[in-house]
Structures are given as structure tokens and as C-alpha cells.
Amino acid sequence: MKSPILGLRTAAYKVGNIDEAKAWYTHAFQVDPYFDEPFYVGFNIGGFELGLQPEEKPTTDKPESVLVYWGVENIHHEYQRLLAIGATEHEAPQNVGGEIVVASVKDPWGNILGIIYNPEFSLD
């Protein structure tokens, strides 16, 4: 049976300073936004959208209820690179079965940014 849910489209992060966050995420993902307005900044990351939205009441104390993992080829390198550009450690790289390794950091606004190396995943 074909699912009526089409798959992930957008992961949106709330940020206290959208201009600073736009610059940080441009550096972190090494891509410029395709949509850039004061109320929303959108990046195309491998066919998926990463969105930034300004917070009405900025806080870095955010709940940890949902994790979004962005695929990478070299998780240990990307984890260290994100830390070097201002992220803070959340979960160090760990094997979760087979060759799959996950890690996460917090961006400067307290959002959890997950990364994953998963050679078994395919969009097909």
C-alpha cells in the first residue's frame, strides 16, 4: 500500500537572531539560502528544506523532544567541524547498529542538530 505521507519536506529551527543564524547555517551546511526574508530563511539541503524562523521570545533552553538527522559521509569529521564553528556537544558519535553512526550538537540558539552516517539509507 502506498503511504499518503510523502516524506520529510522541511526541518525548521527557531532562532533568536535570524541574521546570525543565517550566517551560521550557511557556514555549517556550506550552502546559501534559496529563500531569505525576515520571517523565514530556507536552505535546500540535498533536496530537503532546512528552515529558520525567528523566535518571539528567544531562548536557548529548548525541549529535546524531536531529533532530525542530516546525512553525512564522514560523521567524525563533520561532528568536529560543527563544534569548531560554534556548536556545542549534545551526543558524541555512536554506533547504533551495523555501520550506522549518529551524533548531535546544539547550534548557538539551543537547537539540536543531528547528523547521521547511514550507508543503508536510500531515497528510492
N, C-alpha and C. Protein backbone atom coordinates (compact mmCIF):
# COMPACT_ATOMS: atom_id res chain seq x y z
N MET A 1 0.84 -1.17 0.00
CA MET A 1 0.00 0.00 0.00
C MET A 1 0.89 1.25 0.00
N LYS A 2 0.52 2.22 -0.80
CA LYS A 2 1.26 3.48 -0.87
C LYS A 2 0.82 4.39 0.28
N SER A 3 1.80 4.94 0.99
CA SER A 3 1.50 5.82 2.11
C SER A 3 1.03 7.18 1.63
N PRO A 4 0.02 7.76 2.29
CA PRO A 4 -0.40 9.12 1.93
C PRO A 4 0.60 10.18 2.41
N ILE A 5 1.52 9.79 3.30
CA ILE A 5 2.56 10.71 3.78
C ILE A 5 3.71 10.64 2.78
N LEU A 6 4.08 11.77 2.22
CA LEU A 6 5.06 11.81 1.13
C LEU A 6 6.51 11.82 1.58
N GLY A 7 6.76 12.00 2.86
CA GLY A 7 8.13 12.03 3.34
C GLY A 7 8.50 13.41 3.86
N LEU A 8 9.69 13.48 4.45
CA LEU A 8 10.16 14.72 5.04
C LEU A 8 10.26 15.82 3.98
N ARG A 9 9.81 17.00 4.31
CA ARG A 9 9.92 18.15 3.42
C ARG A 9 10.76 19.27 4.04
N THR A 10 10.49 19.58 5.32
CA THR A 10 11.16 20.72 5.96
C THR A 10 11.46 20.41 7.43
N ALA A 11 12.65 20.76 7.85
CA ALA A 11 13.00 20.78 9.26
C ALA A 11 13.23 22.25 9.59
N ALA A 12 12.44 22.80 10.51
CA ALA A 12 12.54 24.22 10.84
C ALA A 12 13.09 24.40 12.25
N TYR A 13 13.98 25.37 12.37
CA TYR A 13 14.61 25.68 13.65
C TYR A 13 14.25 27.11 14.03
N LYS A 14 13.84 27.30 15.29
CA LYS A 14 13.56 28.64 15.81
C LYS A 14 14.86 29.23 16.34
N VAL A 15 15.11 30.48 16.01
CA VAL A 15 16.36 31.13 16.39
C VAL A 15 16.10 32.54 16.93
N GLY A 16 16.96 32.95 17.84
CA GLY A 16 16.82 34.27 18.46
C GLY A 16 17.25 35.40 17.55
N ASN A 17 18.20 35.15 16.66
CA ASN A 17 18.69 36.18 15.74
C ASN A 17 18.80 35.55 14.36
N ILE A 18 17.84 35.84 13.51
CA ILE A 18 17.76 35.16 12.22
C ILE A 18 18.95 35.50 11.31
N ASP A 19 19.46 36.72 11.39
CA ASP A 19 20.61 37.08 10.55
C ASP A 19 21.87 36.33 10.97
N GLU A 20 22.11 36.25 12.28
CA GLU A 20 23.26 35.49 12.76
C GLU A 20 23.09 34.00 12.45
N ALA A 21 21.88 33.49 12.61
CA ALA A 21 21.61 32.08 12.33
C ALA A 21 21.78 31.78 10.84
N LYS A 22 21.34 32.70 10.00
CA LYS A 22 21.51 32.51 8.55
C LYS A 22 22.99 32.39 8.22
N ALA A 23 23.81 33.24 8.79
CA ALA A 23 25.25 33.19 8.53
C ALA A 23 25.85 31.88 9.07
N TRP A 24 25.44 31.48 10.28
CA TRP A 24 25.98 30.26 10.88
C TRP A 24 25.60 29.02 10.06
N TYR A 25 24.34 28.92 9.69
CA TYR A 25 23.88 27.75 8.93
C TYR A 25 24.44 27.75 7.51
N THR A 26 24.65 28.92 6.92
CA THR A 26 25.31 28.98 5.61
C THR A 26 26.71 28.39 5.73
N HIS A 27 27.41 28.72 6.79
CA HIS A 27 28.75 28.18 7.02
C HIS A 27 28.70 26.69 7.38
N ALA A 28 27.77 26.32 8.25
CA ALA A 28 27.68 24.93 8.71
C ALA A 28 27.34 23.96 7.57
N PHE A 29 26.40 24.33 6.73
CA PHE A 29 25.97 23.44 5.65
C PHE A 29 26.65 23.75 4.31
N GLN A 30 27.40 24.83 4.29
CA GLN A 30 28.16 25.23 3.10
C GLN A 30 27.27 25.39 1.87
N VAL A 31 26.14 26.05 2.09
CA VAL A 31 25.20 26.37 1.02
C VAL A 31 24.48 27.68 1.38
N ASP A 32 24.21 28.48 0.38
CA ASP A 32 23.47 29.73 0.59
C ASP A 32 21.97 29.45 0.61
N PRO A 33 21.21 30.27 1.34
CA PRO A 33 19.75 30.08 1.35
C PRO A 33 19.17 30.39 -0.03
N TYR A 34 18.10 29.69 -0.37
CA TYR A 34 17.38 29.97 -1.62
C TYR A 34 16.22 30.92 -1.37
N PHE A 35 15.81 31.05 -0.10
CA PHE A 35 14.73 31.95 0.28
C PHE A 35 15.20 32.72 1.50
N ASP A 36 15.12 34.04 1.45
CA ASP A 36 15.69 34.86 2.51
C ASP A 36 14.81 36.07 2.79
N GLU A 37 13.98 35.94 3.82
CA GLU A 37 13.11 37.02 4.26
C GLU A 37 13.24 37.16 5.78
N PRO A 38 12.86 38.29 6.35
CA PRO A 38 12.99 38.47 7.80
C PRO A 38 12.18 37.45 8.61
N PHE A 39 11.12 36.89 8.02
CA PHE A 39 10.25 35.96 8.73
C PHE A 39 10.61 34.50 8.49
N TYR A 40 11.50 34.22 7.52
CA TYR A 40 11.86 32.83 7.21
C TYR A 40 13.06 32.81 6.27
N VAL A 41 13.99 31.90 6.58
CA VAL A 41 15.13 31.66 5.70
C VAL A 41 15.12 30.17 5.38
N GLY A 42 15.18 29.85 4.08
CA GLY A 42 15.13 28.45 3.67
C GLY A 42 16.36 28.03 2.89
N PHE A 43 16.89 26.85 3.24
CA PHE A 43 18.03 26.26 2.56
C PHE A 43 17.61 24.95 1.91
N ASN A 44 18.11 24.66 0.72
CA ASN A 44 17.90 23.36 0.09
C ASN A 44 19.11 22.51 0.43
N ILE A 45 18.90 21.49 1.25
CA ILE A 45 19.98 20.61 1.68
C ILE A 45 19.71 19.22 1.09
N GLY A 46 20.33 18.94 -0.04
CA GLY A 46 20.18 17.64 -0.67
C GLY A 46 18.75 17.30 -1.03
N GLY A 47 17.96 18.30 -1.38
CA GLY A 47 16.57 18.07 -1.76
C GLY A 47 15.58 18.19 -0.61
N PHE A 48 16.08 18.47 0.59
CA PHE A 48 15.22 18.67 1.76
C PHE A 48 15.41 20.11 2.24
N GLU A 49 14.41 20.64 2.91
CA GLU A 49 14.49 22.02 3.35
C GLU A 49 14.88 22.14 4.81
N LEU A 50 15.83 23.01 5.06
CA LEU A 50 16.17 23.44 6.41
C LEU A 50 15.67 24.87 6.50
N GLY A 51 14.78 25.13 7.44
CA GLY A 51 14.21 26.46 7.59
C GLY A 51 14.60 27.10 8.91
N LEU A 52 14.74 28.40 8.90
CA LEU A 52 15.00 29.19 10.10
C LEU A 52 13.85 30.15 10.30
N GLN A 53 13.33 30.20 11.53
CA GLN A 53 12.25 31.11 11.86
C GLN A 53 12.64 31.90 13.10
N PRO A 54 12.34 33.20 13.12
CA PRO A 54 12.67 33.99 14.32
C PRO A 54 11.76 33.62 15.49
N GLU A 55 12.34 33.62 16.68
CA GLU A 55 11.57 33.36 17.89
C GLU A 55 11.03 34.67 18.43
N GLU A 56 9.80 34.64 18.92
CA GLU A 56 9.24 35.83 19.56
C GLU A 56 9.92 36.09 20.90
N LYS A 57 10.18 35.01 21.64
CA LYS A 57 10.85 35.10 22.94
C LYS A 57 12.08 34.20 22.88
N PRO A 58 13.20 34.74 22.41
CA PRO A 58 14.40 33.92 22.23
C PRO A 58 14.85 33.21 23.51
N THR A 59 15.21 31.94 23.34
CA THR A 59 15.74 31.14 24.43
C THR A 59 16.66 30.07 23.86
N THR A 60 17.65 29.70 24.64
CA THR A 60 18.50 28.58 24.24
C THR A 60 18.13 27.33 25.05
N ASP A 61 17.16 27.45 25.94
CA ASP A 61 16.68 26.32 26.74
C ASP A 61 15.49 25.70 26.03
N LYS A 62 15.78 24.79 25.09
CA LYS A 62 14.73 24.22 24.25
C LYS A 62 14.50 22.75 24.59
N PRO A 63 13.27 22.29 24.42
CA PRO A 63 12.99 20.88 24.72
C PRO A 63 13.70 19.95 23.73
N GLU A 64 13.95 18.73 24.20
CA GLU A 64 14.64 17.75 23.37
C GLU A 64 13.66 16.65 22.95
N SER A 65 12.57 17.03 22.33
CA SER A 65 11.54 16.05 22.01
C SER A 65 11.65 15.46 20.61
N VAL A 66 12.30 16.15 19.69
CA VAL A 66 12.41 15.66 18.32
C VAL A 66 13.85 15.83 17.84
N LEU A 67 14.38 14.80 17.20
CA LEU A 67 15.71 14.88 16.59
C LEU A 67 15.57 14.72 15.09
N VAL A 68 16.24 15.59 14.36
CA VAL A 68 16.32 15.48 12.91
C VAL A 68 17.78 15.22 12.58
N TYR A 69 18.04 14.18 11.81
CA TYR A 69 19.41 13.83 11.45
C TYR A 69 19.65 14.13 9.98
N TRP A 70 20.72 14.89 9.71
CA TRP A 70 21.14 15.23 8.36
C TRP A 70 22.26 14.26 7.97
N GLY A 71 22.12 13.65 6.80
CA GLY A 71 23.09 12.66 6.34
C GLY A 71 24.45 13.26 6.03
N VAL A 72 25.50 12.54 6.41
CA VAL A 72 26.88 12.95 6.12
C VAL A 72 27.67 11.72 5.70
N GLU A 73 28.77 11.96 5.02
CA GLU A 73 29.66 10.89 4.60
C GLU A 73 30.71 10.56 5.65
N ASN A 74 31.19 11.57 6.38
CA ASN A 74 32.24 11.36 7.38
C ASN A 74 31.75 12.01 8.69
N ILE A 75 31.10 11.22 9.49
CA ILE A 75 30.44 11.77 10.68
C ILE A 75 31.42 12.34 11.71
N HIS A 76 32.56 11.69 11.89
CA HIS A 76 33.52 12.20 12.87
C HIS A 76 34.09 13.55 12.45
N HIS A 77 34.39 13.71 11.17
CA HIS A 77 34.89 14.99 10.65
C HIS A 77 33.83 16.08 10.79
N GLU A 78 32.60 15.80 10.36
CA GLU A 78 31.54 16.82 10.41
C GLU A 78 31.18 17.19 11.85
N TYR A 79 31.19 16.22 12.74
CA TYR A 79 30.92 16.49 14.15
C TYR A 79 31.96 17.48 14.70
N GLN A 80 33.23 17.20 14.46
CA GLN A 80 34.29 18.09 14.93
C GLN A 80 34.23 19.46 14.25
N ARG A 81 33.88 19.49 12.97
CA ARG A 81 33.77 20.77 12.24
C ARG A 81 32.66 21.62 12.83
N LEU A 82 31.50 21.02 13.13
CA LEU A 82 30.40 21.78 13.72
C LEU A 82 30.78 22.33 15.09
N LEU A 83 31.48 21.55 15.88
CA LEU A 83 31.95 22.05 17.17
C LEU A 83 32.92 23.21 16.99
N ALA A 84 33.78 23.11 15.98
CA ALA A 84 34.78 24.15 15.74
C ALA A 84 34.17 25.47 15.31
N ILE A 85 32.97 25.44 14.71
CA ILE A 85 32.35 26.69 14.26
C ILE A 85 31.31 27.23 15.25
N GLY A 86 31.27 26.67 16.45
CA GLY A 86 30.42 27.27 17.48
C GLY A 86 29.30 26.41 18.03
N ALA A 87 29.11 25.21 17.51
CA ALA A 87 28.11 24.32 18.09
C ALA A 87 28.66 23.77 19.41
N THR A 88 27.78 23.25 20.25
CA THR A 88 28.21 22.60 21.48
C THR A 88 27.79 21.13 21.45
N GLU A 89 28.54 20.32 22.15
CA GLU A 89 28.28 18.88 22.14
C GLU A 89 26.91 18.55 22.73
N HIS A 90 26.21 17.66 22.08
CA HIS A 90 24.97 17.12 22.62
C HIS A 90 25.14 15.62 22.81
N GLU A 91 25.45 14.90 21.74
CA GLU A 91 25.75 13.46 21.81
C GLU A 91 26.90 13.17 20.86
N ALA A 92 27.98 12.64 21.40
CA ALA A 92 29.14 12.28 20.58
C ALA A 92 28.77 11.16 19.62
N PRO A 93 29.52 11.01 18.52
CA PRO A 93 29.23 9.93 17.57
C PRO A 93 29.16 8.57 18.26
N GLN A 94 28.11 7.83 17.92
CA GLN A 94 27.95 6.49 18.48
C GLN A 94 27.32 5.57 17.45
N ASN A 95 27.78 4.34 17.43
CA ASN A 95 27.24 3.33 16.54
C ASN A 95 25.90 2.88 17.10
N VAL A 96 24.88 2.83 16.24
CA VAL A 96 23.55 2.42 16.67
C VAL A 96 23.11 1.13 15.98
N GLY A 97 24.05 0.44 15.36
CA GLY A 97 23.75 -0.83 14.72
C GLY A 97 24.31 -0.89 13.31
N GLY A 98 24.92 -2.02 12.97
CA GLY A 98 25.52 -2.14 11.65
C GLY A 98 26.58 -1.08 11.47
N GLU A 99 26.55 -0.41 10.34
CA GLU A 99 27.50 0.68 10.07
C GLU A 99 26.92 2.06 10.38
N ILE A 100 25.74 2.11 10.96
CA ILE A 100 25.05 3.38 11.19
C ILE A 100 25.61 4.06 12.44
N VAL A 101 26.00 5.33 12.26
CA VAL A 101 26.55 6.13 13.36
C VAL A 101 25.79 7.45 13.41
N VAL A 102 25.38 7.85 14.61
CA VAL A 102 24.67 9.12 14.80
C VAL A 102 25.42 9.99 15.80
N ALA A 103 25.20 11.28 15.70
CA ALA A 103 25.75 12.25 16.63
C ALA A 103 24.85 13.48 16.60
N SER A 104 24.98 14.33 17.60
CA SER A 104 24.22 15.58 17.57
C SER A 104 24.97 16.65 18.34
N VAL A 105 24.71 17.88 17.92
CA VAL A 105 25.25 19.07 18.56
C VAL A 105 24.10 20.03 18.80
N LYS A 106 24.37 21.06 19.56
CA LYS A 106 23.40 22.14 19.70
C LYS A 106 23.96 23.35 18.98
N ASP A 107 23.11 23.98 18.17
CA ASP A 107 23.53 25.21 17.50
C ASP A 107 23.61 26.33 18.53
N PRO A 108 24.11 27.51 18.16
CA PRO A 108 24.23 28.60 19.14
C PRO A 108 22.90 29.08 19.72
N TRP A 109 21.75 28.63 19.19
CA TRP A 109 20.43 29.03 19.67
C TRP A 109 19.76 27.92 20.45
N GLY A 110 20.50 26.82 20.72
CA GLY A 110 19.98 25.74 21.54
C GLY A 110 19.24 24.65 20.81
N ASN A 111 19.17 24.74 19.48
CA ASN A 111 18.51 23.70 18.69
C ASN A 111 19.42 22.50 18.52
N ILE A 112 18.85 21.31 18.60
CA ILE A 112 19.63 20.09 18.39
C ILE A 112 19.74 19.85 16.89
N LEU A 113 20.97 19.69 16.45
CA LEU A 113 21.27 19.43 15.04
C LEU A 113 21.91 18.04 14.97
N GLY A 114 21.15 17.08 14.46
CA GLY A 114 21.65 15.71 14.37
C GLY A 114 22.32 15.44 13.04
N ILE A 115 23.33 14.58 13.07
CA ILE A 115 23.97 14.11 11.84
C ILE A 115 24.03 12.58 11.89
N ILE A 116 23.99 11.97 10.71
CA ILE A 116 23.97 10.52 10.64
C ILE A 116 24.76 10.02 9.45
N TYR A 117 25.53 8.97 9.68
CA TYR A 117 26.16 8.23 8.60
C TYR A 117 25.37 6.93 8.51
N ASN A 118 24.69 6.73 7.39
CA ASN A 118 23.86 5.55 7.20
C ASN A 118 24.00 5.06 5.76
N PRO A 119 24.94 4.16 5.50
CA PRO A 119 25.13 3.67 4.13
C PRO A 119 23.97 2.81 3.64
N GLU A 120 23.05 2.44 4.53
CA GLU A 120 21.92 1.61 4.14
C GLU A 120 20.72 2.41 3.66
N PHE A 121 20.70 3.73 3.93
CA PHE A 121 19.56 4.57 3.55
C PHE A 121 19.57 4.91 2.08
N SER A 122 18.41 4.86 1.46
CA SER A 122 18.26 5.25 0.06
C SER A 122 16.92 5.97 -0.10
N LEU A 123 16.89 6.96 -0.97
CA LEU A 123 15.64 7.68 -1.23
C LEU A 123 14.71 6.92 -2.15
N ASP A 124 15.17 5.83 -2.72
CA ASP A 124 14.33 5.05 -3.64
C ASP A 124 13.31 4.21 -2.94
